[in-house]
Amino acid sequence: MAASSRPSPPVPHPWLVEDAADCLGFERDGGYSARAARLATRDMLADRARALGYPEREIERVVDAALAAAALQ
């Protein structure tokens, strides 16, 4: 059986998921533009992911994974 060419999703650090949950709450309750709030969320989570040592090529994927994990909480 051939290996999948699609990479597995990254595992987000628990702190990143916690930050994502906080950001999602802020997006809901903040009263700001939904688009502006999501862009700010993604920027903040990307900065946090970099600080946690994720490689630049994985930042978008790990942010997506953290937001998905936070949404399931």
N, C-alpha and C. Protein backbone atom coordinates (compact mmCIF):
# COMPACT_ATOMS: atom_id res chain seq x y z
N MET A 1 0.85 -1.18 0.00
CA MET A 1 0.00 0.00 0.00
C MET A 1 0.89 1.24 0.00
N ALA A 2 0.59 2.18 -0.85
CA ALA A 2 1.39 3.39 -0.96
C ALA A 2 1.08 4.34 0.19
N ALA A 3 2.11 5.02 0.63
CA ALA A 3 1.94 6.01 1.69
C ALA A 3 1.18 7.22 1.14
N SER A 4 0.41 7.83 1.99
CA SER A 4 -0.35 9.00 1.59
C SER A 4 0.60 10.16 1.30
N SER A 5 0.33 10.90 0.24
CA SER A 5 1.17 12.05 -0.08
C SER A 5 0.74 13.27 0.74
N ARG A 6 -0.37 13.16 1.41
CA ARG A 6 -0.86 14.27 2.23
C ARG A 6 -0.24 14.17 3.63
N PRO A 7 0.44 15.23 4.06
CA PRO A 7 1.08 15.17 5.39
C PRO A 7 0.04 15.14 6.49
N SER A 8 0.40 14.47 7.58
CA SER A 8 -0.52 14.42 8.71
C SER A 8 -0.60 15.80 9.36
N PRO A 9 -1.74 16.09 9.97
CA PRO A 9 -1.86 17.41 10.60
C PRO A 9 -0.90 17.54 11.78
N PRO A 10 -0.38 18.72 11.98
CA PRO A 10 0.54 18.92 13.11
C PRO A 10 -0.22 18.82 14.43
N VAL A 11 0.50 18.47 15.46
CA VAL A 11 -0.09 18.40 16.80
C VAL A 11 0.20 19.74 17.48
N PRO A 12 -0.85 20.50 17.78
CA PRO A 12 -0.61 21.79 18.41
C PRO A 12 -0.25 21.64 19.88
N HIS A 13 0.63 22.47 20.35
CA HIS A 13 1.03 22.51 21.75
C HIS A 13 -0.20 22.87 22.60
N PRO A 14 -0.36 22.27 23.78
CA PRO A 14 -1.52 22.59 24.63
C PRO A 14 -1.68 24.09 24.92
N TRP A 15 -0.58 24.80 25.07
CA TRP A 15 -0.66 26.25 25.31
C TRP A 15 -1.24 26.97 24.11
N LEU A 16 -0.91 26.48 22.92
CA LEU A 16 -1.44 27.09 21.70
C LEU A 16 -2.94 26.85 21.61
N VAL A 17 -3.39 25.66 21.98
CA VAL A 17 -4.83 25.36 21.97
C VAL A 17 -5.54 26.23 23.01
N GLU A 18 -4.94 26.41 24.17
CA GLU A 18 -5.51 27.27 25.22
C GLU A 18 -5.64 28.71 24.72
N ASP A 19 -4.59 29.20 24.08
CA ASP A 19 -4.64 30.55 23.51
C ASP A 19 -5.72 30.66 22.43
N ALA A 20 -5.84 29.61 21.62
CA ALA A 20 -6.85 29.61 20.56
C ALA A 20 -8.26 29.67 21.17
N ALA A 21 -8.48 28.93 22.25
CA ALA A 21 -9.79 28.96 22.91
C ALA A 21 -10.09 30.36 23.45
N ASP A 22 -9.08 30.99 24.05
CA ASP A 22 -9.25 32.36 24.54
C ASP A 22 -9.60 33.31 23.40
N CYS A 23 -8.89 33.15 22.28
CA CYS A 23 -9.13 34.02 21.13
C CYS A 23 -10.53 33.80 20.55
N LEU A 24 -10.98 32.55 20.50
CA LEU A 24 -12.32 32.29 19.98
C LEU A 24 -13.38 32.94 20.87
N GLY A 25 -13.16 32.90 22.18
CA GLY A 25 -14.07 33.57 23.10
C GLY A 25 -14.07 35.07 22.87
N PHE A 26 -12.90 35.64 22.66
CA PHE A 26 -12.78 37.07 22.37
C PHE A 26 -13.51 37.42 21.08
N GLU A 27 -13.35 36.56 20.06
CA GLU A 27 -14.02 36.80 18.78
C GLU A 27 -15.53 36.83 18.97
N ARG A 28 -16.05 35.91 19.79
CA ARG A 28 -17.49 35.83 20.03
C ARG A 28 -18.01 37.03 20.81
N ASP A 29 -17.28 37.41 21.85
CA ASP A 29 -17.78 38.39 22.80
C ASP A 29 -17.27 39.81 22.57
N GLY A 30 -16.28 39.97 21.69
CA GLY A 30 -15.62 41.26 21.54
C GLY A 30 -16.42 42.34 20.84
N GLY A 31 -17.37 41.95 20.00
CA GLY A 31 -18.14 42.95 19.29
C GLY A 31 -17.39 43.60 18.13
N TYR A 32 -16.29 42.99 17.71
CA TYR A 32 -15.49 43.52 16.60
C TYR A 32 -15.91 42.85 15.30
N SER A 33 -15.45 43.38 14.21
CA SER A 33 -15.65 42.76 12.91
C SER A 33 -15.14 41.32 12.96
N ALA A 34 -15.96 40.38 12.49
CA ALA A 34 -15.57 38.97 12.53
C ALA A 34 -14.28 38.74 11.74
N ARG A 35 -14.15 39.38 10.61
CA ARG A 35 -12.96 39.21 9.77
C ARG A 35 -11.72 39.78 10.48
N ALA A 36 -11.85 40.96 11.03
CA ALA A 36 -10.72 41.58 11.73
C ALA A 36 -10.32 40.76 12.95
N ALA A 37 -11.30 40.27 13.68
CA ALA A 37 -11.01 39.46 14.87
C ALA A 37 -10.29 38.17 14.48
N ARG A 38 -10.72 37.51 13.40
CA ARG A 38 -10.08 36.26 12.98
C ARG A 38 -8.66 36.52 12.50
N LEU A 39 -8.43 37.61 11.79
CA LEU A 39 -7.08 37.93 11.35
C LEU A 39 -6.17 38.20 12.55
N ALA A 40 -6.68 38.91 13.53
CA ALA A 40 -5.90 39.17 14.74
C ALA A 40 -5.61 37.87 15.49
N THR A 41 -6.61 37.00 15.55
CA THR A 41 -6.43 35.69 16.20
C THR A 41 -5.32 34.91 15.51
N ARG A 42 -5.38 34.82 14.20
CA ARG A 42 -4.39 34.04 13.45
C ARG A 42 -2.99 34.63 13.62
N ASP A 43 -2.89 35.97 13.60
CA ASP A 43 -1.58 36.61 13.80
C ASP A 43 -1.02 36.29 15.18
N MET A 44 -1.85 36.41 16.20
CA MET A 44 -1.40 36.14 17.56
C MET A 44 -0.99 34.67 17.72
N LEU A 45 -1.79 33.76 17.18
CA LEU A 45 -1.46 32.34 17.29
C LEU A 45 -0.20 32.00 16.49
N ALA A 46 0.00 32.65 15.36
CA ALA A 46 1.22 32.41 14.58
C ALA A 46 2.44 32.87 15.36
N ASP A 47 2.35 34.02 16.01
CA ASP A 47 3.46 34.50 16.84
C ASP A 47 3.74 33.54 17.98
N ARG A 48 2.67 33.04 18.60
CA ARG A 48 2.82 32.09 19.72
C ARG A 48 3.46 30.78 19.22
N ALA A 49 3.04 30.31 18.05
CA ALA A 49 3.60 29.07 17.49
C ALA A 49 5.10 29.25 17.21
N ARG A 50 5.47 30.40 16.69
CA ARG A 50 6.90 30.67 16.45
C ARG A 50 7.67 30.66 17.77
N ALA A 51 7.10 31.27 18.80
CA ALA A 51 7.75 31.31 20.11
C ALA A 51 7.89 29.90 20.70
N LEU A 52 6.96 29.02 20.36
CA LEU A 52 7.02 27.64 20.84
C LEU A 52 7.95 26.76 20.01
N GLY A 53 8.51 27.34 18.94
CA GLY A 53 9.52 26.62 18.16
C GLY A 53 9.02 25.89 16.92
N TYR A 54 7.80 26.13 16.50
CA TYR A 54 7.33 25.49 15.28
C TYR A 54 8.04 26.10 14.08
N PRO A 55 8.43 25.27 13.10
CA PRO A 55 9.09 25.81 11.91
C PRO A 55 8.12 26.67 11.08
N GLU A 56 8.66 27.65 10.43
CA GLU A 56 7.84 28.60 9.66
C GLU A 56 6.92 27.90 8.66
N ARG A 57 7.40 26.85 8.04
CA ARG A 57 6.59 26.15 7.03
C ARG A 57 5.36 25.47 7.63
N GLU A 58 5.34 25.28 8.96
CA GLU A 58 4.22 24.61 9.63
C GLU A 58 3.25 25.58 10.31
N ILE A 59 3.56 26.85 10.32
CA ILE A 59 2.78 27.81 11.11
C ILE A 59 1.30 27.81 10.74
N GLU A 60 0.97 27.95 9.47
CA GLU A 60 -0.43 28.00 9.07
C GLU A 60 -1.17 26.73 9.46
N ARG A 61 -0.53 25.59 9.25
CA ARG A 61 -1.17 24.31 9.57
C ARG A 61 -1.36 24.14 11.07
N VAL A 62 -0.38 24.55 11.87
CA VAL A 62 -0.51 24.38 13.31
C VAL A 62 -1.55 25.36 13.88
N VAL A 63 -1.66 26.54 13.31
CA VAL A 63 -2.70 27.48 13.72
C VAL A 63 -4.08 26.90 13.41
N ASP A 64 -4.23 26.35 12.22
CA ASP A 64 -5.51 25.70 11.86
C ASP A 64 -5.84 24.57 12.81
N ALA A 65 -4.84 23.75 13.15
CA ALA A 65 -5.04 22.62 14.05
C ALA A 65 -5.42 23.11 15.45
N ALA A 66 -4.77 24.17 15.93
CA ALA A 66 -5.08 24.70 17.25
C ALA A 66 -6.50 25.27 17.30
N LEU A 67 -6.90 25.98 16.26
CA LEU A 67 -8.26 26.52 16.21
C LEU A 67 -9.29 25.40 16.17
N ALA A 68 -9.01 24.35 15.40
CA ALA A 68 -9.94 23.21 15.32
C ALA A 68 -10.04 22.52 16.68
N ALA A 69 -8.91 22.31 17.35
CA ALA A 69 -8.93 21.66 18.66
C ALA A 69 -9.67 22.51 19.68
N ALA A 70 -9.46 23.81 19.64
CA ALA A 70 -10.13 24.71 20.58
C ALA A 70 -11.64 24.73 20.34
N ALA A 71 -12.05 24.66 19.09
CA ALA A 71 -13.47 24.68 18.77
C ALA A 71 -14.19 23.42 19.27
N LEU A 72 -13.45 22.34 19.44
CA LEU A 72 -14.03 21.09 19.93
C LEU A 72 -14.14 21.03 21.45
N GLN A 73 -13.54 21.98 22.14
CA GLN A 73 -13.56 21.96 23.61
C GLN A 73 -14.92 22.36 24.13
